[in-house]
N, C-alpha and C. Protein backbone atom coordinates (compact mmCIF):
# COMPACT_ATOMS: atom_id res chain seq x y z
N MET A 1 0.72 -1.39 0.22
CA MET A 1 -0.03 0.35 0.05
C MET A 1 0.89 1.23 -0.11
N THR A 2 0.55 2.55 -0.47
CA THR A 2 1.31 3.84 -0.51
C THR A 2 0.90 4.93 -0.10
N ARG A 3 1.45 5.22 0.64
CA ARG A 3 1.37 6.22 1.67
C ARG A 3 0.06 6.70 1.33
N LEU A 4 -0.08 7.42 -0.04
CA LEU A 4 -1.29 7.53 -1.02
C LEU A 4 -2.39 7.55 -0.01
N GLU A 5 -2.69 5.51 -0.84
CA GLU A 5 -3.67 4.96 -0.61
C GLU A 5 -3.97 4.58 0.66
N ALA A 6 -3.03 4.64 1.53
CA ALA A 6 -3.32 5.07 3.63
C ALA A 6 -4.06 6.02 3.71
N CYS A 7 -3.67 7.45 3.18
CA CYS A 7 -4.16 8.29 3.48
C CYS A 7 -5.38 8.34 3.16
N LEU A 8 -5.84 8.05 1.92
CA LEU A 8 -7.48 8.34 1.09
C LEU A 8 -7.98 7.31 1.85
N PHE A 9 -7.65 5.86 2.01
CA PHE A 9 -8.50 4.97 3.05
C PHE A 9 -9.44 5.40 4.62
N LEU A 10 -7.85 5.89 5.80
CA LEU A 10 -8.52 7.03 6.25
C LEU A 10 -8.71 7.71 6.46
N ARG A 11 -9.07 8.95 4.86
CA ARG A 11 -9.99 9.84 4.73
C ARG A 11 -11.29 9.22 4.22
N HIS A 12 -11.74 8.00 3.97
CA HIS A 12 -13.16 7.79 3.71
C HIS A 12 -13.85 6.20 5.00
N ILE A 13 -12.76 5.82 5.81
CA ILE A 13 -13.66 4.97 7.04
C ILE A 13 -14.02 6.11 8.10
N ALA A 14 -15.05 5.54 7.95
CA ALA A 14 -16.67 5.83 8.69
C ALA A 14 -16.34 6.37 9.92
N GLY A 15 -16.10 7.34 11.15
CA GLY A 15 -16.27 7.39 12.49
C GLY A 15 -14.72 8.19 12.76
N ILE A 16 -13.71 8.07 12.36
CA ILE A 16 -12.33 8.09 12.05
C ILE A 16 -11.66 9.11 12.65
N GLY A 17 -11.73 10.00 11.42
CA GLY A 17 -11.68 11.37 10.99
C GLY A 17 -10.63 11.86 11.39
N MET A 18 -10.06 13.40 11.43
CA MET A 18 -8.79 13.65 11.36
C MET A 18 -8.25 13.13 12.52
N MET A 19 -9.34 13.99 13.90
CA MET A 19 -8.06 13.79 14.70
C MET A 19 -7.74 12.66 15.32
N ARG A 20 -8.36 11.39 15.52
CA ARG A 20 -7.72 9.76 15.43
C ARG A 20 -7.09 9.17 14.49
N SER A 21 -7.35 10.05 13.63
CA SER A 21 -5.96 9.09 12.17
C SER A 21 -4.87 9.89 12.53
N HIS A 22 -4.96 11.17 13.04
CA HIS A 22 -3.69 11.81 13.62
C HIS A 22 -3.01 11.37 14.97
N LYS A 23 -3.64 10.72 15.94
CA LYS A 23 -3.51 10.33 17.03
C LYS A 23 -2.72 8.36 16.62
N LEU A 24 -3.60 7.96 15.24
CA LEU A 24 -2.93 6.64 14.72
C LEU A 24 -1.32 6.85 13.83
N LEU A 25 -1.84 8.16 13.36
CA LEU A 25 -0.16 8.36 13.21
C LEU A 25 0.61 9.10 13.89
N ALA A 26 0.42 9.34 15.05
CA ALA A 26 1.25 9.67 15.56
C ALA A 26 2.52 8.39 16.14
N TYR A 27 1.55 7.33 16.85
CA TYR A 27 1.84 5.95 17.05
C TYR A 27 2.59 4.86 16.10
N PHE A 28 2.00 4.61 15.27
CA PHE A 28 2.55 4.14 13.64
C PHE A 28 3.68 4.64 13.20
N GLU A 29 3.25 6.31 13.42
CA GLU A 29 4.59 7.60 12.35
C GLU A 29 4.34 7.24 10.97
N THR A 30 3.97 6.05 10.32
CA THR A 30 3.00 6.42 8.70
C THR A 30 1.96 6.01 8.95
N PRO A 31 1.40 6.51 7.53
CA PRO A 31 0.05 6.54 7.26
C PRO A 31 -0.45 4.96 6.95
N GLU A 32 0.65 4.25 5.95
CA GLU A 32 0.51 2.78 5.54
C GLU A 32 0.64 1.48 6.59
N ALA A 33 1.74 2.09 7.65
CA ALA A 33 1.51 1.66 8.94
C ALA A 33 0.66 1.16 9.76
N ILE A 34 -0.38 2.29 9.33
CA ILE A 34 -1.22 1.62 10.41
C ILE A 34 -2.24 0.39 10.10
N PHE A 35 -1.95 0.26 8.01
CA PHE A 35 -3.22 -0.93 7.93
C PHE A 35 -2.15 -2.16 8.01
N ALA A 36 -1.00 -2.10 8.17
CA ALA A 36 0.06 -3.06 8.28
C ALA A 36 -0.35 -3.85 9.93
N CYS A 37 -0.83 -3.24 10.62
CA CYS A 37 -1.11 -3.76 11.77
C CYS A 37 -1.97 -5.27 12.18
N ASP A 38 -1.78 -5.84 13.37
CA ASP A 38 -2.88 -6.94 13.59
C ASP A 38 -3.89 -5.87 14.67
N PHE A 39 -4.78 -5.86 13.48
CA PHE A 39 -6.11 -5.45 13.61
C PHE A 39 -6.83 -6.33 14.79
N SER A 40 -6.73 -7.81 14.89
CA SER A 40 -6.92 -9.08 16.35
C SER A 40 -6.23 -8.06 17.80
N ASN A 41 -5.35 -7.33 18.00
CA ASN A 41 -4.32 -7.31 18.85
C ASN A 41 -3.81 -6.08 18.73
N PRO A 42 -5.70 -4.85 18.67
CA PRO A 42 -4.58 -3.51 18.49
C PRO A 42 -3.93 -3.14 20.11
N PRO A 43 -2.88 -2.09 19.59
CA PRO A 43 -2.20 -1.58 21.08
C PRO A 43 -3.27 -0.24 21.30
N GLU A 44 -3.08 0.12 22.67
CA GLU A 44 -3.79 1.14 23.64
C GLU A 44 -3.18 1.93 23.04
N ILE A 45 -4.45 2.92 22.33
CA ILE A 45 -3.78 4.60 21.92
C ILE A 45 -4.92 5.24 22.26
N GLU A 46 -4.33 6.23 23.40
CA GLU A 46 -5.87 7.06 24.02
C GLU A 46 -6.64 7.95 22.89
N GLY A 47 -7.52 7.95 22.89
CA GLY A 47 -8.82 8.16 22.15
C GLY A 47 -9.49 6.69 20.95
N LEU A 48 -8.73 6.18 20.67
CA LEU A 48 -9.11 5.04 20.14
C LEU A 48 -10.15 4.21 21.01
N GLY A 49 -10.81 3.41 21.29
CA GLY A 49 -11.04 2.23 21.39
C GLY A 49 -12.21 1.50 20.69
N THR A 50 -12.28 0.00 21.02
CA THR A 50 -12.97 -1.13 20.63
C THR A 50 -13.78 -0.38 19.67
N ASN A 51 -14.76 -0.10 19.73
CA ASN A 51 -15.30 0.54 17.97
C ASN A 51 -14.54 1.32 17.11
N ASP A 52 -13.67 2.13 17.03
CA ASP A 52 -12.17 2.84 16.47
C ASP A 52 -11.58 1.37 16.28
N TRP A 53 -11.36 0.55 16.48
CA TRP A 53 -10.14 -0.73 16.14
C TRP A 53 -11.32 -1.27 14.76
N GLU A 54 -12.73 -2.17 15.61
CA GLU A 54 -13.22 -2.65 14.64
C GLU A 54 -13.70 -1.87 13.34
N VAL A 55 -14.02 -0.87 13.09
CA VAL A 55 -14.46 0.62 11.85
C VAL A 55 -13.11 -0.14 10.87
N LEU A 56 -12.35 -0.26 11.72
CA LEU A 56 -10.34 0.37 11.24
C LEU A 56 -10.46 -1.51 10.83
N LYS A 57 -10.87 -2.18 11.55
CA LYS A 57 -10.41 -3.77 10.52
C LYS A 57 -11.38 -3.79 9.38
N GLN A 58 -12.17 -2.93 8.79
CA GLN A 58 -12.95 -3.36 8.17
C GLN A 58 -12.16 -2.01 6.90
N TRP A 59 -11.22 -1.60 6.86
CA TRP A 59 -11.17 -1.09 6.18
C TRP A 59 -10.96 -1.28 4.53
N LYS A 60 -10.60 -2.71 4.18
CA LYS A 60 -10.69 -3.69 3.17
C LYS A 60 -12.11 -3.28 2.16
N THR A 61 -12.69 -2.65 2.64
CA THR A 61 -14.78 -2.68 2.28
C THR A 61 -13.74 -0.77 1.52
N TYR A 62 -12.95 -0.28 1.71
CA TYR A 62 -13.43 1.12 0.59
C TYR A 62 -12.69 0.91 -0.01
N ARG A 63 -12.21 -0.20 -0.30
CA ARG A 63 -11.14 -0.30 -1.72
C ARG A 63 -11.69 -0.09 -3.10
N GLU A 64 -12.48 0.15 -2.95
CA GLU A 64 -13.39 0.85 -4.52
C GLU A 64 -13.31 2.21 -4.73
N THR A 65 -14.01 3.15 -3.00
CA THR A 65 -13.91 4.10 -3.03
C THR A 65 -12.84 4.63 -3.24
N VAL A 66 -11.76 4.31 -2.85
CA VAL A 66 -10.33 4.79 -2.71
C VAL A 66 -9.59 4.50 -3.87
N ASP A 67 -9.65 3.29 -5.19
CA ASP A 67 -9.63 3.27 -6.41
C ASP A 67 -10.44 4.51 -7.04
N ASN A 68 -11.56 4.51 -7.23
CA ASN A 68 -12.14 5.94 -7.20
C ASN A 68 -11.74 6.98 -7.70
N ASP A 69 -11.25 7.05 -6.18
CA ASP A 69 -10.14 8.77 -5.79
C ASP A 69 -9.05 8.41 -6.58
N LEU A 70 -8.38 7.05 -6.52
CA LEU A 70 -6.82 7.64 -7.39
C LEU A 70 -7.05 7.83 -8.86
N LYS A 71 -8.26 6.97 -9.64
CA LYS A 71 -8.70 7.15 -11.17
C LYS A 71 -8.84 8.35 -11.18
N SER A 72 -9.75 9.55 -10.07
CA SER A 72 -10.34 10.99 -10.62
C SER A 72 -8.62 11.78 -10.51
N ILE A 73 -8.04 11.63 -9.21
CA ILE A 73 -6.64 12.30 -8.94
C ILE A 73 -5.34 12.25 -10.22
N GLU A 74 -5.30 11.04 -11.11
CA GLU A 74 -5.04 10.96 -12.45
C GLU A 74 -5.91 11.62 -13.48
N LYS A 75 -7.14 11.30 -13.64
CA LYS A 75 -8.04 11.89 -15.02
C LYS A 75 -7.69 13.48 -14.85
N HIS A 76 -7.87 13.98 -13.74
CA HIS A 76 -8.02 15.08 -13.14
C HIS A 76 -7.04 16.20 -13.04
N GLY A 77 -5.57 15.33 -12.99
CA GLY A 77 -4.43 16.00 -12.98
C GLY A 77 -4.19 16.60 -11.52
N ILE A 78 -4.60 15.95 -10.69
CA ILE A 78 -4.65 16.38 -9.31
C ILE A 78 -3.33 15.87 -9.14
N THR A 79 -1.96 16.88 -8.24
CA THR A 79 -1.57 16.18 -7.41
C THR A 79 -1.44 16.57 -5.91
N PRO A 80 -1.29 15.48 -5.64
CA PRO A 80 -2.04 15.13 -3.49
C PRO A 80 -0.78 15.49 -3.18
N LEU A 81 -0.83 16.37 -1.43
CA LEU A 81 -0.07 16.67 -0.57
C LEU A 81 -0.04 16.44 0.69
N LEU A 82 1.02 15.02 0.51
CA LEU A 82 0.79 14.98 1.51
C LEU A 82 1.15 15.08 3.33
N PHE A 83 0.55 15.01 4.60
CA PHE A 83 1.10 15.60 5.44
C PHE A 83 2.42 14.59 5.97
N GLY A 84 3.22 16.13 6.22
CA GLY A 84 4.44 15.71 6.95
C GLY A 84 5.67 15.65 5.46
N THR A 85 5.26 15.58 4.19
CA THR A 85 6.20 16.29 3.19
C THR A 85 6.57 17.81 3.17
N SER A 86 7.81 17.61 2.56
CA SER A 86 7.89 19.18 2.47
C SER A 86 6.92 20.15 1.16
N ASP A 87 6.17 19.99 0.64
CA ASP A 87 4.80 20.23 -0.30
C ASP A 87 4.34 20.48 0.23
N TYR A 88 3.50 20.13 2.13
CA TYR A 88 2.70 20.15 2.45
C TYR A 88 2.25 21.95 3.01
N PRO A 89 1.58 22.13 3.44
CA PRO A 89 1.89 23.60 4.17
C PRO A 89 1.87 23.61 5.48
N LYS A 90 3.02 24.27 5.94
CA LYS A 90 3.86 24.00 7.17
C LYS A 90 2.87 24.17 8.03
N THR A 91 2.33 25.35 7.74
CA THR A 91 1.53 26.07 9.20
C THR A 91 0.40 25.54 9.11
N LEU A 92 -0.09 24.58 8.10
CA LEU A 92 -1.18 23.55 8.17
C LEU A 92 -1.08 22.47 9.36
N THR A 93 0.24 21.98 9.37
CA THR A 93 0.66 20.99 10.25
C THR A 93 0.95 21.06 11.74
N PHE A 94 0.34 22.38 12.14
CA PHE A 94 0.08 22.95 13.98
C PHE A 94 -1.42 22.31 14.12
N CYS A 95 -2.11 22.40 13.17
CA CYS A 95 -3.88 22.09 13.21
C CYS A 95 -3.90 20.87 13.81
N PRO A 96 -4.22 20.52 14.64
CA PRO A 96 -4.62 19.21 15.48
C PRO A 96 -5.56 18.22 14.36
N ASP A 97 -6.19 18.81 13.14
CA ASP A 97 -7.28 18.12 12.43
C ASP A 97 -6.86 18.51 11.00
N ALA A 98 -5.57 18.49 10.63
CA ALA A 98 -4.78 18.75 9.55
C ALA A 98 -5.31 17.88 8.51
N PRO A 99 -6.16 18.01 7.53
CA PRO A 99 -6.63 16.41 6.07
C PRO A 99 -4.77 16.33 6.42
N LEU A 100 -4.89 14.76 6.18
CA LEU A 100 -3.36 13.67 6.19
C LEU A 100 -3.43 14.26 4.25
N VAL A 101 -4.12 14.26 3.75
CA VAL A 101 -4.33 14.77 2.18
C VAL A 101 -4.92 15.56 1.81
N LEU A 102 -4.02 16.97 0.75
CA LEU A 102 -4.80 18.44 0.18
C LEU A 102 -4.48 17.85 -1.09
N PHE A 103 -5.45 18.28 -1.89
CA PHE A 103 -6.09 17.76 -3.07
C PHE A 103 -5.44 19.10 -4.15
N LEU A 104 -3.78 18.95 -5.23
CA LEU A 104 -3.70 20.26 -5.85
C LEU A 104 -4.21 20.37 -7.22
N LYS A 105 -4.44 21.52 -7.68
CA LYS A 105 -4.90 21.34 -9.32
C LYS A 105 -4.16 22.55 -9.40
N GLY A 106 -3.22 22.84 -10.43
CA GLY A 106 -2.37 23.77 -10.68
C GLY A 106 -0.73 23.52 -10.03
N LYS A 107 -0.48 25.08 -10.23
CA LYS A 107 0.72 24.85 -9.78
C LYS A 107 0.90 26.22 -8.86
N ILE A 108 1.41 25.78 -7.62
CA ILE A 108 1.87 26.47 -6.22
C ILE A 108 3.07 26.01 -5.42
N HIS A 109 3.76 26.92 -4.83
CA HIS A 109 4.88 26.18 -4.14
C HIS A 109 4.59 27.50 -2.62
N PHE A 110 4.05 26.58 -1.50
CA PHE A 110 3.79 27.03 0.30
C PHE A 110 4.68 27.56 0.82
N PRO A 111 5.87 26.20 0.32
CA PRO A 111 6.80 26.84 1.91
C PRO A 111 7.74 28.25 1.92
N LYS A 112 7.32 28.97 3.04
CA LYS A 112 8.24 30.70 2.72
C LYS A 112 7.41 31.25 2.43
N ARG A 113 6.04 30.77 1.93
CA ARG A 113 4.72 31.94 1.80
C ARG A 113 4.19 32.24 2.51
N LYS A 114 3.66 33.49 2.69
CA LYS A 114 2.45 33.92 3.28
C LYS A 114 1.48 33.42 2.75
N ILE A 115 0.27 33.02 3.91
CA ILE A 115 -1.34 32.54 3.00
C ILE A 115 -1.93 33.70 3.33
N ILE A 116 -2.88 33.84 3.64
CA ILE A 116 -4.08 34.94 4.15
C ILE A 116 -5.48 34.19 3.49
N SER A 117 -6.05 33.81 4.59
CA SER A 117 -7.69 32.85 4.84
C SER A 117 -7.82 33.58 4.71
N ILE A 118 -9.18 34.03 3.50
CA ILE A 118 -10.38 34.84 3.72
C ILE A 118 -11.79 34.27 3.35
N VAL A 119 -12.58 34.26 4.23
CA VAL A 119 -13.32 33.71 4.92
C VAL A 119 -15.00 34.27 4.86
N GLY A 120 -15.99 34.13 4.20
CA GLY A 120 -17.05 35.70 4.55
C GLY A 120 -18.43 35.14 4.11
N THR A 121 -19.56 35.75 4.48
CA THR A 121 -20.86 35.71 4.26
C THR A 121 -21.08 35.36 2.05
N ARG A 122 -21.82 34.18 1.87
CA ARG A 122 -22.43 34.14 0.90
C ARG A 122 -22.65 35.06 0.33
N SER A 123 -24.08 35.83 1.03
CA SER A 123 -24.90 36.65 1.15
C SER A 123 -24.02 38.73 0.86
N ASN A 124 -23.69 38.31 0.30
CA ASN A 124 -22.27 40.21 1.36
C ASN A 124 -23.29 41.46 0.57
N THR A 125 -22.67 42.54 1.32
CA THR A 125 -23.27 43.52 0.59
C THR A 125 -21.90 44.34 0.31
N GLN A 126 -22.62 45.67 -0.70
CA GLN A 126 -21.31 46.28 -1.68
C GLN A 126 -20.31 46.29 -0.61
N ARG A 127 -20.44 46.73 0.88
CA ARG A 127 -19.81 47.31 1.37
C ARG A 127 -18.55 46.45 1.73
N GLY A 128 -18.87 45.06 1.95
CA GLY A 128 -18.16 43.88 2.13
C GLY A 128 -17.57 43.55 1.27
N LYS A 129 -18.19 43.33 0.11
CA LYS A 129 -16.88 42.81 -1.60
C LYS A 129 -15.77 44.34 -1.60
N ASP A 130 -17.11 45.81 -1.18
CA ASP A 130 -15.37 46.47 -1.80
C ASP A 130 -14.53 46.38 -0.45
N PHE A 131 -14.92 46.15 1.33
CA PHE A 131 -13.60 46.14 1.93
C PHE A 131 -12.65 45.12 1.74
N CYS A 132 -13.50 43.56 1.01
CA CYS A 132 -12.49 42.73 0.79
C CYS A 132 -11.31 42.88 -0.71
N CYS A 133 -11.95 43.45 -1.69
CA CYS A 133 -11.29 43.77 -2.32
C CYS A 133 -10.28 44.62 -2.57
N ASN A 134 -10.57 46.21 -1.73
CA ASN A 134 -9.46 46.80 -0.93
C ASN A 134 -9.04 46.28 -0.11
N PHE A 135 -8.83 45.24 0.75
CA PHE A 135 -8.31 44.49 1.04
C PHE A 135 -6.91 44.05 0.43
N ILE A 136 -7.61 42.96 -0.47
CA ILE A 136 -6.50 42.19 -1.80
C ILE A 136 -5.76 43.19 -1.78
N GLU A 137 -5.66 44.06 -2.64
CA GLU A 137 -5.39 44.78 -3.47
C GLU A 137 -4.12 46.44 -2.51
N ALA A 138 -4.40 46.16 -1.05
CA ALA A 138 -3.11 46.92 -0.47
C ALA A 138 -2.41 45.50 -0.28
N ILE A 139 -2.41 44.91 0.30
CA ILE A 139 -2.10 43.45 0.85
C ILE A 139 -0.99 42.96 -0.13
N ALA A 140 -1.44 43.34 -1.68
CA ALA A 140 -1.27 42.51 -2.93
C ALA A 140 0.48 42.93 -2.66
N PRO A 141 1.30 44.25 -2.85
CA PRO A 141 2.90 44.23 -2.71
C PRO A 141 3.33 43.29 -2.03
N PHE A 142 3.06 42.17 -0.67
CA PHE A 142 3.61 41.27 -0.22
C PHE A 142 3.35 39.62 -0.88
N ASP A 143 2.38 39.39 -2.17
CA ASP A 143 2.88 38.39 -2.28
C ASP A 143 2.11 37.40 -1.57
N PRO A 144 1.02 37.35 -1.15
CA PRO A 144 0.54 36.59 -0.28
C PRO A 144 -0.55 35.50 -1.15
N ILE A 145 -0.50 34.56 -0.95
CA ILE A 145 -1.51 33.30 -1.26
C ILE A 145 -2.85 34.08 -0.88
N ILE A 146 -3.78 34.24 -1.22
CA ILE A 146 -5.29 34.53 -0.96
C ILE A 146 -5.91 32.50 -0.92
N CYS A 147 -6.32 32.83 0.22
CA CYS A 147 -6.82 31.11 0.54
C CYS A 147 -8.65 30.73 0.54
N SER A 148 -9.24 30.68 0.36
CA SER A 148 -10.42 30.61 0.35
C SER A 148 -11.51 29.64 -0.07
N GLY A 149 -12.59 29.66 0.63
CA GLY A 149 -13.60 28.45 0.17
C GLY A 149 -14.03 28.71 -1.51
N PHE A 150 -15.07 28.00 -2.24
CA PHE A 150 -15.21 28.32 -2.78
C PHE A 150 -15.87 28.64 -3.55
N ALA A 151 -17.16 29.24 -2.29
CA ALA A 151 -18.62 29.58 -2.73
C ALA A 151 -19.08 30.78 -2.84
N LEU A 152 -20.24 30.92 -3.51
CA LEU A 152 -20.70 32.11 -3.68
C LEU A 152 -20.41 33.12 -2.03
N GLY A 153 -20.49 34.65 -2.93
CA GLY A 153 -20.26 35.46 -1.88
C GLY A 153 -18.79 36.47 -1.97
N ILE A 154 -18.52 36.31 -0.53
CA ILE A 154 -17.12 36.65 -0.46
C ILE A 154 -15.73 35.86 -0.57
N ASP A 155 -16.30 33.81 -0.55
CA ASP A 155 -14.87 33.80 -1.42
C ASP A 155 -14.53 33.58 -2.82
N ILE A 156 -15.90 33.70 -3.48
CA ILE A 156 -15.57 34.28 -4.90
C ILE A 156 -15.04 35.32 -5.23
N ILE A 157 -15.08 36.76 -4.68
CA ILE A 157 -14.64 38.01 -4.68
C ILE A 157 -13.67 37.94 -4.22
N ALA A 158 -12.55 37.40 -3.96
CA ALA A 158 -11.37 37.35 -2.81
C ALA A 158 -10.85 36.31 -4.34
N HIS A 159 -11.61 35.11 -4.61
CA HIS A 159 -10.41 34.91 -5.40
C HIS A 159 -10.12 35.57 -7.11
N GLN A 160 -11.29 36.37 -7.16
CA GLN A 160 -11.46 36.97 -8.27
C GLN A 160 -10.73 37.86 -8.83
N THR A 161 -10.46 38.80 -6.92
CA THR A 161 -9.85 39.96 -7.10
C THR A 161 -8.64 39.74 -6.72
N ALA A 162 -7.51 38.24 -5.98
CA ALA A 162 -6.99 37.83 -6.35
C ALA A 162 -5.60 37.79 -8.10
N ILE A 163 -7.18 37.20 -8.59
CA ILE A 163 -6.54 36.82 -9.59
C ILE A 163 -6.15 38.45 -10.52
N ASN A 164 -6.80 39.43 -9.98
CA ASN A 164 -6.70 40.58 -11.06
C ASN A 164 -5.24 41.36 -10.35
N VAL A 165 -5.06 41.05 -9.52
CA VAL A 165 -4.08 41.72 -8.92
C VAL A 165 -2.83 41.18 -9.26
N GLY A 166 -3.23 39.88 -9.43
CA GLY A 166 -1.89 39.11 -9.84
C GLY A 166 -1.45 38.37 -8.89
N LEU A 167 -2.37 37.48 -8.03
CA LEU A 167 -2.05 36.43 -7.00
C LEU A 167 -2.48 35.41 -6.81
N GLN A 168 -1.36 34.47 -7.15
CA GLN A 168 -2.33 33.36 -6.48
C GLN A 168 -2.78 32.97 -5.54
N THR A 169 -4.02 31.97 -5.62
CA THR A 169 -4.99 31.97 -4.86
C THR A 169 -5.39 30.22 -4.74
N VAL A 170 -5.42 29.97 -3.35
CA VAL A 170 -6.09 28.64 -2.88
C VAL A 170 -7.56 28.41 -3.12
N ALA A 171 -8.50 27.80 -3.83
CA ALA A 171 -9.57 27.51 -3.77
C ALA A 171 -9.96 25.83 -2.72
N CYS A 172 -10.78 25.81 -1.86
CA CYS A 172 -10.51 25.11 -0.82
C CYS A 172 -12.42 24.66 -1.29
N ILE A 173 -12.29 22.89 -1.98
CA ILE A 173 -13.56 22.89 -2.52
C ILE A 173 -14.45 22.35 -1.47
N GLY A 174 -15.57 22.19 -1.57
CA GLY A 174 -16.78 21.46 -0.54
C GLY A 174 -17.19 19.91 -1.04
N ASN A 175 -16.54 19.87 -2.39
CA ASN A 175 -17.02 18.45 -2.63
C ASN A 175 -16.63 17.73 -2.86
N SER A 176 -16.02 16.58 -3.24
CA SER A 176 -15.51 15.19 -3.67
C SER A 176 -14.79 15.12 -4.94
N LEU A 177 -13.72 14.58 -4.91
CA LEU A 177 -12.91 14.50 -6.20
C LEU A 177 -13.61 13.26 -7.97
N ASP A 178 -15.14 12.58 -7.38
CA ASP A 178 -15.42 12.39 -8.23
C ASP A 178 -16.89 13.53 -8.86
N GLN A 179 -17.16 14.65 -8.17
CA GLN A 179 -17.99 15.25 -8.13
C GLN A 179 -17.86 16.10 -9.14
N PRO A 180 -18.41 16.97 -9.44
CA PRO A 180 -18.26 18.49 -10.69
C PRO A 180 -18.45 19.38 -9.54
N LEU A 181 -17.12 20.52 -9.89
CA LEU A 181 -16.91 21.00 -9.42
C LEU A 181 -18.39 22.38 -8.56
N TYR A 182 -18.55 22.91 -7.71
CA TYR A 182 -19.81 23.09 -6.87
C TYR A 182 -19.71 24.26 -6.20
N PRO A 183 -19.72 26.06 -6.74
CA PRO A 183 -21.11 25.76 -7.42
C PRO A 183 -20.96 25.91 -8.86
N ALA A 184 -22.04 25.44 -10.09
CA ALA A 184 -21.64 25.30 -11.37
C ALA A 184 -20.73 26.59 -11.92
N GLN A 185 -21.53 27.95 -11.73
CA GLN A 185 -20.40 29.32 -12.07
C GLN A 185 -19.39 29.06 -12.15
N HIS A 186 -19.01 28.72 -10.99
CA HIS A 186 -17.87 28.90 -10.93
C HIS A 186 -16.58 27.73 -11.34
N ARG A 187 -17.34 26.13 -12.60
CA ARG A 187 -16.17 26.43 -13.03
C ARG A 187 -15.58 26.37 -14.14
N VAL A 188 -15.80 28.06 -14.45
CA VAL A 188 -14.89 28.53 -15.54
C VAL A 188 -13.46 28.82 -14.96
N PHE A 189 -12.87 28.60 -13.98
CA PHE A 189 -11.55 28.91 -13.13
C PHE A 189 -11.09 27.70 -13.41
């Protein structure tokens, strides 16, 4: 099993989530080592109980889902960024529930770059839009990466403004790899 496959399994196994995944990773050191363990005699790890080990024991039932993810990654030219590698955004590693895998489409280099996250309402006012645009224009000389969701409202305004002033953006999409980009009007990006 590859590290990517192991991260995808952990991503899909119901009830495990990122916090438990990180507890497993802290114990086993690599994601793939988790699935090489003896599930009939699992180690004692704080925060993981009998039910968690029962769910983990059934990991092979997620093979088709993981294979579909792998096909989507290849089909769409997505670059997976794995937790703990030099390409993964370092500041995100300080979050206790950081995803074990991020999906990158495009070209961006995170090390030694400032990232500004902008989150806002979907039903913004003109004043909110103006503030967002003026803020991004004001910080553009510092060349930050603008990170936001990909929702309607302030999120997409942040991305459009960043692109207009020549900044790189990271859009955090809310749907899975095998679904069309949502909302549909943002598929032009």
